[in-house]
Amino acid sequence: MKRVAEPDPHGGDLRGSVGGQGRMSTGEFHRWWADRREAGGFSVKRIPFARLDSWAFEPGTGNLGHASGRFFTIEGLRVRENGAETWSQPVINQPEIGILGIVVKEFDGVLHCLMQAKMEPGNVNTIQLSPTVQATRSNYTQVHRGAGTRYLEYFVGPGRCQVLVDVLQSEQGAWFWRKRNRNMVVLATGDVPLHEDFCWLTLAQIRELTHEDNMVNMDARTVLSCMPFALPDEAEAESGDAFRDALVRSYQYQDAGRRALHTASEILSWFTEAKTRCEWTARLVPMTDVPGWSRDEWQITDDEERHFRIVAVEVAAGTREVTRWTQPLLYPRGEGRAVFVVRPINGVIHLLVRAQPEYGLMDLVEMAPTVHLHPGSDMSDVRESFLRESLAPGGGARMRYDHLLSEEGGRFHHALTRYQIAEVGEDFPLDVPPGFCWMTVRQLTDLLRHGHYLNVEARSLLTCLHSLC
């Protein structure tokens, strides 16, 4: 799907330059990428909690926080349902709102995104392709006393660029307490000086890179999912590829009068009803009041050793605003899985969307992929037999997209999710349980103009889905 016409990503020479550096072919990108990996002087080492600098456990509560009172804290989360405690765990509390922003600019009528080769301490492969700006408020206000955030002035202040997208979106409700970030896209018209850790890529190139494991980071995926784009005309929609044609139609149809299964009003009513079914409450508590979790000098872990750990790391990164620091990270056990089941209905691809409660979400429930498993869970934890059977090996689902992608590397250590788009046939039921709803892509993307509708895994998968058009 394209906002403006784009060249073949393998097309070689992309004419023009910005700040003295030419725009890149895909081959040139990979050579630049290898150079940035070598240039950073990156190092991440596990350390005991006692070696954390400016971080400490608070006497009495056991909460882990920074001496500045900023950045984030590790606190306890308690969930109660029908008057009884049902779940407790550590959670990351980061109340400040950061900026995830991409600068876009047109060259020769082609939209390009200014992307960053950014090191995060929790990345499994050290650097990943990131938004132009990816910074917490503590970082861009320089609480760390390091260098300023490059290109921040394009997003805030009187001289910022034309705003195309500006919306608050949630992050992982299983690990964060009510975490939100400002997802932004701004359009530059003047010259943009280019730093060596940044490059201009077309949307077609970025979407191609989503087919490489652990390349496009979570923060870039969520911003890209919110980007506006032009809809194809009817002639462009017919390619002879039945799946692609049905997918393109899914970007066009937003109401039942045009071959969508449900109206927008029906979808909003379904979602509101899902929220009213939540009969639990969640609140923060001291870490000392979290049963079933233990702390030693190296980690905080659940006694069953199934879910995740809190660990400490020492970091060196020559390309960051601060070149050396220590911090805690949440370290999941195993991989997560996020699957959108899709099928054509009336010649239009529909996605089976789940209303997913998560204890750390600000609004209790958000729209999620059909199957959303956190690390430590597997398909046996999926209650719906029709999903277990369809997604089992030999179950008939065709994987249109299947890649391992990283979650946020600034707070999570080696957090990986298997992202999949599974096409099912017409024998897959249209009549689904109350927690599910069939929607077109257009109906979902229209909701991205607002926060707290789609969770971060659903937004990631929408970006991956764009690459299949």
Protein backbone atom coordinates (compact mmCIF):
# COMPACT_ATOMS: atom_id res chain seq x y z
CA MET A 1 0.00 0.00 0.00
CA LYS A 2 1.51 3.34 -1.03
CA ARG A 3 1.04 6.94 -0.09
CA VAL A 4 2.78 8.05 -3.30
CA ALA A 5 4.37 6.10 -6.14
CA GLU A 6 7.45 4.15 -5.05
CA PRO A 7 10.23 2.51 -7.07
CA ASP A 8 11.22 -1.14 -6.95
CA PRO A 9 13.19 -1.48 -3.68
CA HIS A 10 15.88 -3.38 -5.62
CA GLY A 11 16.06 -0.63 -8.22
CA GLY A 12 19.59 0.49 -7.40
CA ASP A 13 20.12 4.23 -7.84
CA LEU A 14 17.70 6.42 -5.90
CA ARG A 15 18.70 9.87 -7.12
CA GLY A 16 19.20 12.89 -4.92
CA SER A 17 20.88 13.47 -1.61
CA VAL A 18 20.15 14.90 1.80
CA GLY A 19 22.87 16.49 3.89
CA GLY A 20 25.47 15.15 1.46
CA GLN A 21 24.54 11.45 1.71
CA GLY A 22 22.66 9.73 -1.10
CA ARG A 23 19.53 7.74 -0.55
CA MET A 24 20.05 4.01 -0.59
CA SER A 25 19.28 0.98 -2.64
CA THR A 26 18.50 -2.10 -0.58
CA GLY A 27 22.00 -3.43 -1.23
CA GLU A 28 23.57 -0.17 -0.10
CA PHE A 29 21.42 -0.27 3.03
CA HIS A 30 22.83 -3.64 4.08
CA ARG A 31 26.40 -2.42 3.58
CA TRP A 32 25.62 0.69 5.66
CA TRP A 33 23.93 -1.52 8.29
CA ALA A 34 26.99 -3.76 8.65
CA ASP A 35 29.15 -0.67 9.06
CA ARG A 36 26.93 0.73 11.83
CA ARG A 37 27.04 -2.60 13.69
CA GLU A 38 30.83 -2.47 13.69
CA ALA A 39 31.14 1.21 14.58
CA GLY A 40 29.23 1.31 17.86
CA GLY A 41 31.54 -0.38 20.35
CA PHE A 42 28.52 -2.10 21.90
CA SER A 43 28.64 -4.25 25.02
CA VAL A 44 25.90 -5.58 27.34
CA LYS A 45 26.78 -7.67 30.40
CA ARG A 46 24.64 -9.15 33.17
CA ILE A 47 25.64 -7.83 36.57
CA PRO A 48 24.37 -8.37 40.14
CA PHE A 49 21.94 -5.78 41.49
CA ALA A 50 24.65 -4.47 43.84
CA ARG A 51 26.59 -3.14 40.85
CA LEU A 52 23.73 -0.99 39.58
CA ASP A 53 24.79 2.66 39.54
CA SER A 54 22.11 5.10 40.84
CA TRP A 55 19.53 2.28 41.06
CA ALA A 56 18.52 0.76 44.41
CA PHE A 57 15.81 -1.21 46.16
CA GLU A 58 13.69 1.06 48.33
CA PRO A 59 13.70 0.07 52.02
CA GLY A 60 10.29 -1.10 53.15
CA THR A 61 8.65 -1.51 49.72
CA GLY A 62 11.36 -3.45 47.88
CA ASN A 63 10.62 -1.39 44.75
CA LEU A 64 13.59 -0.89 42.41
CA GLY A 65 14.04 2.71 41.26
CA HIS A 66 16.49 5.35 40.04
CA ALA A 67 18.00 7.95 42.39
CA SER A 68 16.62 10.77 40.20
CA GLY A 69 13.05 9.56 40.71
CA ARG A 70 12.73 9.46 36.92
CA PHE A 71 13.02 6.82 34.16
CA PHE A 72 10.99 3.91 35.61
CA THR A 73 10.49 1.72 38.66
CA ILE A 74 9.95 -2.00 39.20
CA GLU A 75 6.90 -2.33 41.44
CA GLY A 76 4.32 -4.96 42.32
CA LEU A 77 0.97 -5.52 40.56
CA ARG A 78 -1.99 -7.15 42.29
CA VAL A 79 -5.14 -8.35 40.52
CA ARG A 80 -8.39 -9.08 42.34
CA GLU A 81 -11.51 -10.71 40.92
CA ASN A 82 -14.77 -11.25 42.81
CA GLY A 83 -13.10 -9.99 45.98
CA ALA A 84 -10.19 -12.48 45.90
CA GLU A 85 -6.59 -12.00 44.82
CA THR A 86 -5.99 -13.96 41.60
CA TRP A 87 -2.60 -12.78 40.33
CA SER A 88 0.50 -10.88 41.46
CA GLN A 89 3.70 -10.02 39.62
CA PRO A 90 6.38 -7.34 39.21
CA VAL A 91 5.58 -4.66 36.63
CA ILE A 92 7.43 -1.74 35.01
CA ASN A 93 5.91 1.58 36.02
CA GLN A 94 6.99 4.34 33.64
CA PRO A 95 4.39 7.11 33.93
CA GLU A 96 6.10 9.60 31.65
CA ILE A 97 5.14 9.72 27.96
CA GLY A 98 7.96 9.32 25.45
CA ILE A 99 8.12 10.15 21.74
CA LEU A 100 8.29 7.59 18.96
CA GLY A 101 8.53 9.67 15.81
CA ILE A 102 9.43 9.32 12.14
CA VAL A 103 10.40 12.24 9.90
CA VAL A 104 9.17 11.73 6.33
CA LYS A 105 10.15 13.67 3.22
CA GLU A 106 9.44 13.35 -0.49
CA PHE A 107 12.21 13.03 -3.06
CA ASP A 108 11.22 12.97 -6.75
CA GLY A 109 7.62 12.31 -5.67
CA VAL A 110 8.59 9.35 -3.49
CA LEU A 111 7.95 9.36 0.25
CA HIS A 112 10.99 8.43 2.36
CA CYS A 113 11.31 7.80 6.10
CA LEU A 114 14.30 8.88 8.17
CA MET A 115 15.23 5.74 10.07
CA GLN A 116 17.86 5.12 12.72
CA ALA A 117 20.29 2.29 13.43
CA LYS A 118 19.69 2.31 17.17
CA MET A 119 21.33 0.26 19.86
CA GLU A 120 19.15 -0.89 22.76
CA PRO A 121 20.59 -2.98 25.61
CA GLY A 122 17.87 -5.63 25.38
CA ASN A 123 18.08 -6.19 21.61
CA VAL A 124 19.02 -9.76 20.76
CA ASN A 125 21.15 -8.45 17.86
CA THR A 126 22.25 -5.14 19.45
CA ILE A 127 21.01 -2.68 16.80
CA GLN A 128 17.68 -2.57 15.01
CA LEU A 129 15.97 -0.22 12.56
CA SER A 130 14.22 2.38 14.67
CA PRO A 131 12.20 5.60 14.34
CA THR A 132 13.95 8.93 13.85
CA VAL A 133 13.28 9.73 17.50
CA GLN A 134 12.79 7.03 20.11
CA ALA A 135 13.17 8.62 23.51
CA THR A 136 11.55 8.74 26.92
CA ARG A 137 10.84 12.15 28.40
CA SER A 138 13.68 11.57 30.90
CA ASN A 139 16.03 10.97 27.98
CA TYR A 140 15.08 13.92 25.81
CA THR A 141 15.04 16.28 28.81
CA GLN A 142 18.57 14.96 29.52
CA VAL A 143 18.05 13.70 33.08
CA HIS A 144 20.98 11.39 32.25
CA ARG A 145 23.17 14.50 31.58
CA GLY A 146 24.15 13.08 28.22
CA ALA A 147 23.93 14.45 24.70
CA GLY A 148 20.67 15.78 23.28
CA THR A 149 18.24 13.69 21.21
CA ARG A 150 18.91 14.14 17.49
CA TYR A 151 16.01 15.52 15.39
CA LEU A 152 13.84 16.18 18.46
CA GLU A 153 13.20 19.73 17.22
CA TYR A 154 11.27 18.31 14.24
CA PHE A 155 8.62 16.97 16.67
CA VAL A 156 8.34 19.51 19.50
CA GLY A 157 8.59 23.25 19.90
CA PRO A 158 7.64 26.16 17.67
CA GLY A 159 9.75 25.00 14.73
CA ARG A 160 8.40 21.48 14.43
CA CYS A 161 7.39 20.05 11.05
CA GLN A 162 3.91 19.49 9.67
CA VAL A 163 2.24 16.83 11.81
CA LEU A 164 0.70 13.89 9.93
CA VAL A 165 0.21 11.54 12.90
CA ASP A 166 0.12 12.34 16.62
CA VAL A 167 -1.60 9.76 18.82
CA LEU A 168 -0.97 8.15 22.21
CA GLN A 169 -0.66 4.38 21.96
CA SER A 170 -0.21 1.73 24.64
CA GLU A 171 2.62 -0.74 25.09
CA GLN A 172 2.68 -4.26 26.56
CA GLY A 173 -0.07 -4.48 29.18
CA ALA A 174 1.41 -7.71 30.56
CA TRP A 175 4.69 -6.04 31.57
CA PHE A 176 4.01 -2.30 31.81
CA TRP A 177 1.66 -0.42 34.11
CA ARG A 178 -0.46 1.88 31.93
CA LYS A 179 2.45 2.70 29.63
CA ARG A 180 1.83 5.07 26.71
CA ASN A 181 4.01 6.64 24.06
CA ARG A 182 3.35 9.45 21.63
CA ASN A 183 3.40 7.97 18.11
CA MET A 184 4.22 10.72 15.61
CA VAL A 185 4.91 11.20 11.91
CA VAL A 186 5.99 14.64 10.68
CA LEU A 187 6.59 15.89 7.14
CA ALA A 188 9.78 17.85 6.44
CA THR A 189 9.96 20.18 3.46
CA GLY A 190 13.38 21.78 3.94
CA ASP A 191 16.85 20.32 4.11
CA VAL A 192 17.38 17.66 6.79
CA PRO A 193 21.04 17.22 7.81
CA LEU A 194 21.85 13.52 7.88
CA HIS A 195 23.80 11.91 10.72
CA GLU A 196 25.79 8.76 9.99
CA ASP A 197 23.51 6.60 12.18
CA PHE A 198 20.44 7.53 10.09
CA CYS A 199 19.31 6.77 6.54
CA TRP A 200 16.39 7.53 4.21
CA LEU A 201 14.32 4.51 3.17
CA THR A 202 11.13 4.21 1.15
CA LEU A 203 8.07 2.56 2.65
CA ALA A 204 8.56 -0.29 0.17
CA GLN A 205 12.09 -0.86 1.47
CA ILE A 206 11.01 -0.80 5.11
CA ARG A 207 8.19 -3.23 4.43
CA GLU A 208 10.64 -5.54 2.70
CA LEU A 209 12.85 -5.36 5.79
CA THR A 210 9.96 -6.54 8.00
CA HIS A 211 10.61 -9.94 6.36
CA GLU A 212 13.99 -10.12 8.11
CA ASP A 213 13.94 -11.45 11.67
CA ASN A 214 14.72 -8.84 14.35
CA MET A 215 15.39 -6.01 11.88
CA VAL A 216 12.56 -3.45 12.21
CA ASN A 217 12.09 -2.76 15.90
CA MET A 218 8.82 -2.60 17.81
CA ASP A 219 8.80 1.18 18.08
CA ALA A 220 9.16 1.59 14.33
CA ARG A 221 6.41 -0.98 13.69
CA THR A 222 3.89 0.80 15.90
CA VAL A 223 4.53 4.20 14.27
CA LEU A 224 4.41 2.72 10.76
CA SER A 225 1.05 1.12 11.51
CA CYS A 226 -0.39 4.58 12.24
CA MET A 227 0.87 6.19 9.02
CA PRO A 228 -1.72 7.41 6.51
CA PHE A 229 -1.54 6.10 2.96
CA ALA A 230 -3.46 6.53 -0.28
CA LEU A 231 -5.92 3.79 -1.21
CA PRO A 232 -5.39 2.07 -4.57
CA ASP A 233 -7.94 2.59 -7.31
CA GLU A 234 -10.03 -0.29 -8.62
CA ALA A 235 -7.67 -0.96 -11.52
CA GLU A 236 -4.67 -1.30 -9.21
CA ALA A 237 -6.65 -3.59 -6.93
CA GLU A 238 -6.87 -6.37 -9.56
CA SER A 239 -3.53 -8.12 -10.01
CA GLY A 240 -4.65 -11.70 -10.65
CA ASP A 241 -3.30 -12.80 -7.24
CA ALA A 242 -6.47 -13.73 -5.37
CA PHE A 243 -5.05 -13.18 -1.88
CA ARG A 244 -3.44 -9.84 -2.70
CA ASP A 245 -6.55 -8.58 -4.48
CA ALA A 246 -8.75 -9.54 -1.53
CA LEU A 247 -6.26 -7.87 0.83
CA VAL A 248 -6.25 -4.63 -1.18
CA ARG A 249 -10.05 -4.59 -1.06
CA SER A 250 -9.75 -4.94 2.72
CA TYR A 251 -8.02 -1.56 2.81
CA GLN A 252 -10.94 -0.05 0.88
CA TYR A 253 -14.04 -1.35 2.64
CA GLN A 254 -15.00 0.14 5.96
CA ASP A 255 -18.73 -0.52 6.28
CA ALA A 256 -21.14 -3.37 5.71
CA GLY A 257 -22.67 -1.63 2.70
CA ARG A 258 -19.39 -2.27 0.90
CA ARG A 259 -18.80 -5.94 1.66
CA ALA A 260 -17.48 -5.64 5.23
CA LEU A 261 -19.10 -8.17 7.54
CA HIS A 262 -19.85 -5.62 10.28
CA THR A 263 -20.50 -1.90 10.44
CA ALA A 264 -18.20 0.44 12.36
CA SER A 265 -21.00 1.00 14.89
CA GLU A 266 -21.38 -2.75 15.43
CA ILE A 267 -17.63 -3.07 16.01
CA LEU A 268 -17.57 -0.28 18.58
CA SER A 269 -20.55 -1.78 20.38
CA TRP A 270 -18.84 -5.20 20.43
CA PHE A 271 -15.70 -3.62 21.88
CA THR A 272 -17.61 -1.70 24.55
CA GLU A 273 -19.44 -4.87 25.54
CA ALA A 274 -16.10 -6.68 25.89
CA LYS A 275 -14.91 -4.04 28.35
CA THR A 276 -18.03 -4.37 30.47
CA ARG A 277 -17.35 -8.10 30.92
CA CYS A 278 -14.12 -7.35 32.84
CA GLU A 279 -14.86 -7.97 36.49
CA TRP A 280 -11.33 -7.68 37.82
CA THR A 281 -9.36 -4.75 39.21
CA ALA A 282 -5.61 -4.19 39.18
CA ARG A 283 -3.47 -1.90 41.30
CA LEU A 284 0.15 -1.26 42.19
CA VAL A 285 1.52 -2.67 45.44
CA PRO A 286 5.00 -2.81 46.99
CA MET A 287 7.28 -5.54 45.67
CA THR A 288 7.42 -6.93 49.19
CA ASP A 289 3.70 -7.74 48.87
CA VAL A 290 4.07 -9.90 45.71
CA PRO A 291 3.77 -13.60 46.64
CA GLY A 292 5.28 -16.31 44.48
CA TRP A 293 8.30 -14.22 43.46
CA SER A 294 11.78 -14.27 44.97
CA ARG A 295 14.84 -12.04 44.81
CA ASP A 296 18.50 -12.94 45.03
CA GLU A 297 21.60 -10.92 44.15
CA TRP A 298 21.18 -11.55 40.39
CA GLN A 299 17.46 -11.60 39.64
CA ILE A 300 13.83 -11.33 40.68
CA THR A 301 12.00 -14.40 39.40
CA ASP A 302 8.73 -16.26 39.73
CA ASP A 303 9.11 -19.36 41.86
CA GLU A 304 7.72 -21.56 39.05
CA GLU A 305 10.40 -20.20 36.67
CA ARG A 306 7.80 -19.89 33.93
CA HIS A 307 7.18 -16.22 33.19
CA PHE A 308 10.04 -13.68 33.35
CA ARG A 309 12.87 -12.35 35.46
CA ILE A 310 14.07 -8.87 36.41
CA VAL A 311 17.83 -8.66 35.84
CA ALA A 312 20.52 -5.96 35.82
CA VAL A 313 22.89 -5.07 32.97
CA GLU A 314 25.93 -2.91 32.37
CA VAL A 315 25.92 -1.23 28.97
CA ALA A 316 28.50 0.42 26.70
CA ALA A 317 27.31 2.10 23.49
CA GLY A 318 29.42 4.64 21.65
CA THR A 319 26.48 5.85 19.53
CA ARG A 320 24.06 6.65 22.39
CA GLU A 321 23.50 9.98 24.19
CA VAL A 322 25.18 8.39 27.23
CA THR A 323 27.97 5.97 26.35
CA ARG A 324 27.96 3.90 29.57
CA TRP A 325 25.22 3.11 32.07
CA THR A 326 23.55 0.38 34.14
CA GLN A 327 19.86 -0.47 34.39
CA PRO A 328 17.32 -3.22 35.16
CA LEU A 329 15.60 -5.15 32.34
CA LEU A 330 12.65 -7.53 32.22
CA TYR A 331 13.86 -10.86 30.80
CA PRO A 332 11.11 -13.17 29.47
CA ARG A 333 11.43 -16.96 29.40
CA GLY A 334 10.97 -18.25 25.86
CA GLU A 335 9.16 -16.66 22.93
CA GLY A 336 5.72 -15.14 22.59
CA ARG A 337 3.38 -15.73 19.66
CA ALA A 338 0.97 -13.34 17.93
CA VAL A 339 -1.22 -14.60 15.07
CA PHE A 340 -3.84 -12.83 12.99
CA VAL A 341 -6.16 -15.39 11.41
CA VAL A 342 -7.42 -13.97 8.09
CA ARG A 343 -9.88 -15.22 5.52
CA PRO A 344 -11.76 -13.80 2.54
CA ILE A 345 -15.41 -12.91 3.19
CA ASN A 346 -17.38 -11.65 0.20
CA GLY A 347 -14.07 -11.33 -1.66
CA VAL A 348 -12.54 -9.13 1.05
CA ILE A 349 -9.86 -10.20 3.55
CA HIS A 350 -11.14 -9.99 7.11
CA LEU A 351 -9.01 -10.32 10.26
CA LEU A 352 -10.30 -12.17 13.30
CA VAL A 353 -9.72 -9.69 16.13
CA ARG A 354 -9.71 -10.64 19.81
CA ALA A 355 -10.79 -8.35 22.65
CA GLN A 356 -7.80 -8.92 24.94
CA PRO A 357 -7.82 -7.96 28.62
CA GLU A 358 -4.39 -7.18 30.09
CA TYR A 359 -3.83 -6.15 33.67
CA GLY A 360 -1.49 -3.25 32.92
CA LEU A 361 -3.63 -1.55 30.25
CA MET A 362 -5.06 1.85 31.07
CA ASP A 363 -8.43 0.93 29.56
CA LEU A 364 -8.50 -2.77 30.64
CA VAL A 365 -9.10 -4.21 27.14
CA GLU A 366 -7.63 -3.57 23.69
CA MET A 367 -8.04 -5.22 20.30
CA ALA A 368 -5.42 -7.90 19.83
CA PRO A 369 -4.39 -10.58 17.33
CA THR A 370 -6.54 -13.70 17.13
CA VAL A 371 -3.98 -15.58 19.20
CA HIS A 372 -1.78 -13.66 21.60
CA LEU A 373 0.51 -15.81 23.76
CA HIS A 374 3.06 -14.35 26.13
CA PRO A 375 6.39 -16.11 26.75
CA GLY A 376 5.79 -19.04 29.05
CA SER A 377 2.52 -19.97 27.28
CA ASP A 378 1.81 -22.26 24.33
CA MET A 379 -1.13 -23.30 22.17
CA SER A 380 -2.44 -25.55 24.93
CA ASP A 381 -3.31 -22.32 26.75
CA VAL A 382 -5.66 -21.29 23.92
CA ARG A 383 -9.16 -22.17 25.10
CA GLU A 384 -10.83 -22.16 21.65
CA SER A 385 -10.50 -25.60 20.06
CA PHE A 386 -11.25 -24.28 16.56
CA LEU A 387 -8.14 -22.08 16.81
CA ARG A 388 -5.91 -24.81 18.23
CA GLU A 389 -6.95 -27.17 15.45
CA SER A 390 -6.62 -24.66 12.60
CA LEU A 391 -3.18 -23.44 13.67
CA ALA A 392 -1.75 -26.88 14.48
CA PRO A 393 0.67 -28.40 11.95
CA GLY A 394 -1.46 -29.82 9.17
CA GLY A 395 -4.48 -27.87 10.40
CA GLY A 396 -5.02 -26.19 7.04
CA ALA A 397 -3.86 -22.63 7.79
CA ARG A 398 -1.46 -21.11 5.26
CA MET A 399 1.19 -18.87 6.79
CA ARG A 400 1.34 -15.71 4.70
CA TYR A 401 3.80 -14.11 7.14
CA ASP A 402 5.99 -15.84 9.73
CA HIS A 403 8.91 -14.03 11.35
CA LEU A 404 10.55 -13.62 14.74
CA LEU A 405 10.52 -9.96 15.79
CA SER A 406 11.83 -8.23 18.89
CA GLU A 407 9.83 -6.32 21.44
CA GLU A 408 11.06 -3.10 23.03
CA GLY A 409 14.80 -3.37 23.71
CA GLY A 410 15.08 -0.48 26.14
CA ARG A 411 13.13 -2.25 28.90
CA PHE A 412 13.07 -5.94 27.87
CA HIS A 413 16.02 -8.30 27.45
CA HIS A 414 15.81 -10.59 24.40
CA ALA A 415 11.99 -10.39 24.29
CA LEU A 416 11.01 -12.19 21.07
CA THR A 417 7.61 -12.83 19.52
CA ARG A 418 6.75 -15.10 16.59
CA TYR A 419 4.51 -12.90 14.42
CA GLN A 420 2.28 -14.76 11.97
CA ILE A 421 -0.51 -14.04 9.50
CA ALA A 422 -2.43 -17.26 8.89
CA GLU A 423 -4.91 -17.54 6.02
CA VAL A 424 -7.75 -19.98 6.60
CA GLY A 425 -10.35 -21.30 4.17
CA GLU A 426 -14.08 -20.89 3.89
CA ASP A 427 -14.65 -23.86 6.22
CA PHE A 428 -13.31 -21.73 9.10
CA PRO A 429 -16.35 -20.49 11.08
CA LEU A 430 -17.76 -17.03 10.56
CA ASP A 431 -19.78 -17.43 13.74
CA VAL A 432 -17.19 -16.86 16.47
CA PRO A 433 -17.33 -16.53 20.28
CA PRO A 434 -18.26 -13.15 21.84
CA GLY A 435 -14.62 -12.22 22.47
CA PHE A 436 -13.87 -12.15 18.73
CA CYS A 437 -14.97 -10.03 15.77
CA TRP A 438 -14.24 -10.13 12.02
CA MET A 439 -12.96 -6.80 10.66
CA THR A 440 -11.47 -5.45 7.46
CA VAL A 441 -8.02 -3.87 7.51
CA ARG A 442 -9.59 -0.48 6.81
CA GLN A 443 -11.82 -0.78 9.86
CA LEU A 444 -8.80 -1.50 12.04
CA THR A 445 -6.58 1.21 10.57
CA ASP A 446 -9.35 3.79 10.99
CA LEU A 447 -9.25 3.07 14.72
CA LEU A 448 -5.52 3.89 14.83
CA ARG A 449 -6.35 7.59 14.67
CA HIS A 450 -7.27 7.11 18.35
CA GLY A 451 -5.40 5.56 21.27
CA HIS A 452 -6.31 2.51 23.35
CA TYR A 453 -8.05 0.54 20.60
CA LEU A 454 -5.32 -1.73 19.15
CA ASN A 455 -2.62 -3.25 21.31
CA VAL A 456 1.03 -3.12 20.33
CA GLU A 457 1.09 -6.68 18.95
CA ALA A 458 -1.89 -5.94 16.69
CA ARG A 459 -0.19 -2.77 15.46
CA SER A 460 2.99 -4.72 14.72
CA LEU A 461 1.06 -7.27 12.70
CA LEU A 462 -0.71 -4.55 10.71
CA THR A 463 2.69 -3.21 9.66
CA CYS A 464 3.71 -6.73 8.63
CA LEU A 465 0.44 -7.15 6.74
CA HIS A 466 1.18 -4.00 4.71
CA SER A 467 4.20 -5.81 3.26
CA LEU A 468 1.94 -8.42 1.63
CA CYS A 469 0.13 -5.96 -0.64
